[in-house]
Amino acid sequence: MLERLLDKLSFDAPQIDGTTVVIDAAYVDAELGELADNPDLSRYIL
């Protein structure tokens, strides 16, 4: 789950060097919301 959450951020890291990135509930929901809605995958989310 963490890999999926940080995938886009890792890819964009060179372009956003020196900036602070806040990972809050809205960011997590935007990146993982579709996985949380999937009943087969939601059981793996702690």
C-alpha atoms as a PDB file:
ATOM      1  CA  MET A   1       0.000   0.000   0.000  1.00  0.00           C
ATOM      2  CA  LEU A   2       2.814   2.402   0.799  1.00  0.00           C
ATOM      3  CA  GLU A   3       4.392   1.783  -2.581  1.00  0.00           C
ATOM      4  CA  ARG A   4       1.126   2.651  -4.302  1.00  0.00           C
ATOM      5  CA  LEU A   5       0.656   5.692  -2.070  1.00  0.00           C
ATOM      6  CA  LEU A   6       4.104   7.127  -2.788  1.00  0.00           C
ATOM      7  CA  ASP A   7       4.483   6.017  -6.414  1.00  0.00           C
ATOM      8  CA  LYS A   8       3.580   9.336  -8.053  1.00  0.00           C
ATOM      9  CA  LEU A   9       5.492  11.312  -5.445  1.00  0.00           C
ATOM     10  CA  SER A  10       8.644   9.241  -6.011  1.00  0.00           C
ATOM     11  CA  PHE A  11       8.403   9.773  -9.749  1.00  0.00           C
ATOM     12  CA  ASP A  12       7.944  13.547  -9.376  1.00  0.00           C
ATOM     13  CA  ALA A  13      10.592  13.990  -6.656  1.00  0.00           C
ATOM     14  CA  PRO A  14      13.326  15.484  -8.885  1.00  0.00           C
ATOM     15  CA  GLN A  15      10.968  18.210 -10.089  1.00  0.00           C
ATOM     16  CA  ILE A  16       9.762  19.162  -6.599  1.00  0.00           C
ATOM     17  CA  ASP A  17      13.146  19.140  -4.877  1.00  0.00           C
ATOM     18  CA  GLY A  18      13.227  21.476  -1.900  1.00  0.00           C
ATOM     19  CA  THR A  19       9.484  21.613  -1.352  1.00  0.00           C
ATOM     20  CA  THR A  20       7.571  20.135   1.562  1.00  0.00           C
ATOM     21  CA  VAL A  21       4.985  17.520   0.745  1.00  0.00           C
ATOM     22  CA  VAL A  22       2.213  16.903   3.258  1.00  0.00           C
ATOM     23  CA  ILE A  23       0.605  13.499   3.163  1.00  0.00           C
ATOM     24  CA  ASP A  24      -2.753  13.897   4.831  1.00  0.00           C
ATOM     25  CA  ALA A  25      -6.067  12.073   4.715  1.00  0.00           C
ATOM     26  CA  ALA A  26      -7.107  13.863   1.522  1.00  0.00           C
ATOM     27  CA  TYR A  27      -3.890  12.808  -0.269  1.00  0.00           C
ATOM     28  CA  VAL A  28      -4.293   9.199   0.879  1.00  0.00           C
ATOM     29  CA  ASP A  29      -7.932   9.160  -0.187  1.00  0.00           C
ATOM     30  CA  ALA A  30      -7.065  10.613  -3.590  1.00  0.00           C
ATOM     31  CA  GLU A  31      -4.336   8.033  -4.194  1.00  0.00           C
ATOM     32  CA  LEU A  32      -5.877   4.951  -2.564  1.00  0.00           C
ATOM     33  CA  GLY A  33      -9.595   5.663  -2.545  1.00  0.00           C
ATOM     34  CA  GLU A  34     -10.374   3.271  -5.361  1.00  0.00           C
ATOM     35  CA  LEU A  35      -8.502   0.464  -3.607  1.00  0.00           C
ATOM     36  CA  ALA A  36     -10.330   1.068  -0.341  1.00  0.00           C
ATOM     37  CA  ASP A  37     -13.651   0.797  -2.174  1.00  0.00           C
ATOM     38  CA  ASN A  38     -12.727  -2.597  -3.626  1.00  0.00           C
ATOM     39  CA  PRO A  39     -14.066  -5.221  -1.166  1.00  0.00           C
ATOM     40  CA  ASP A  40     -11.447  -7.787  -2.202  1.00  0.00           C
ATOM     41  CA  LEU A  41      -8.555  -5.415  -1.494  1.00  0.00           C
ATOM     42  CA  SER A  42      -9.987  -3.497   1.450  1.00  0.00           C
ATOM     43  CA  ARG A  43      -9.295  -6.411   3.818  1.00  0.00           C
ATOM     44  CA  TYR A  44      -5.553  -5.820   3.309  1.00  0.00           C
ATOM     45  CA  ILE A  45      -5.776  -2.187   4.402  1.00  0.00           C
ATOM     46  CA  LEU A  46      -5.048  -1.827   8.096  1.00  0.00           C
END
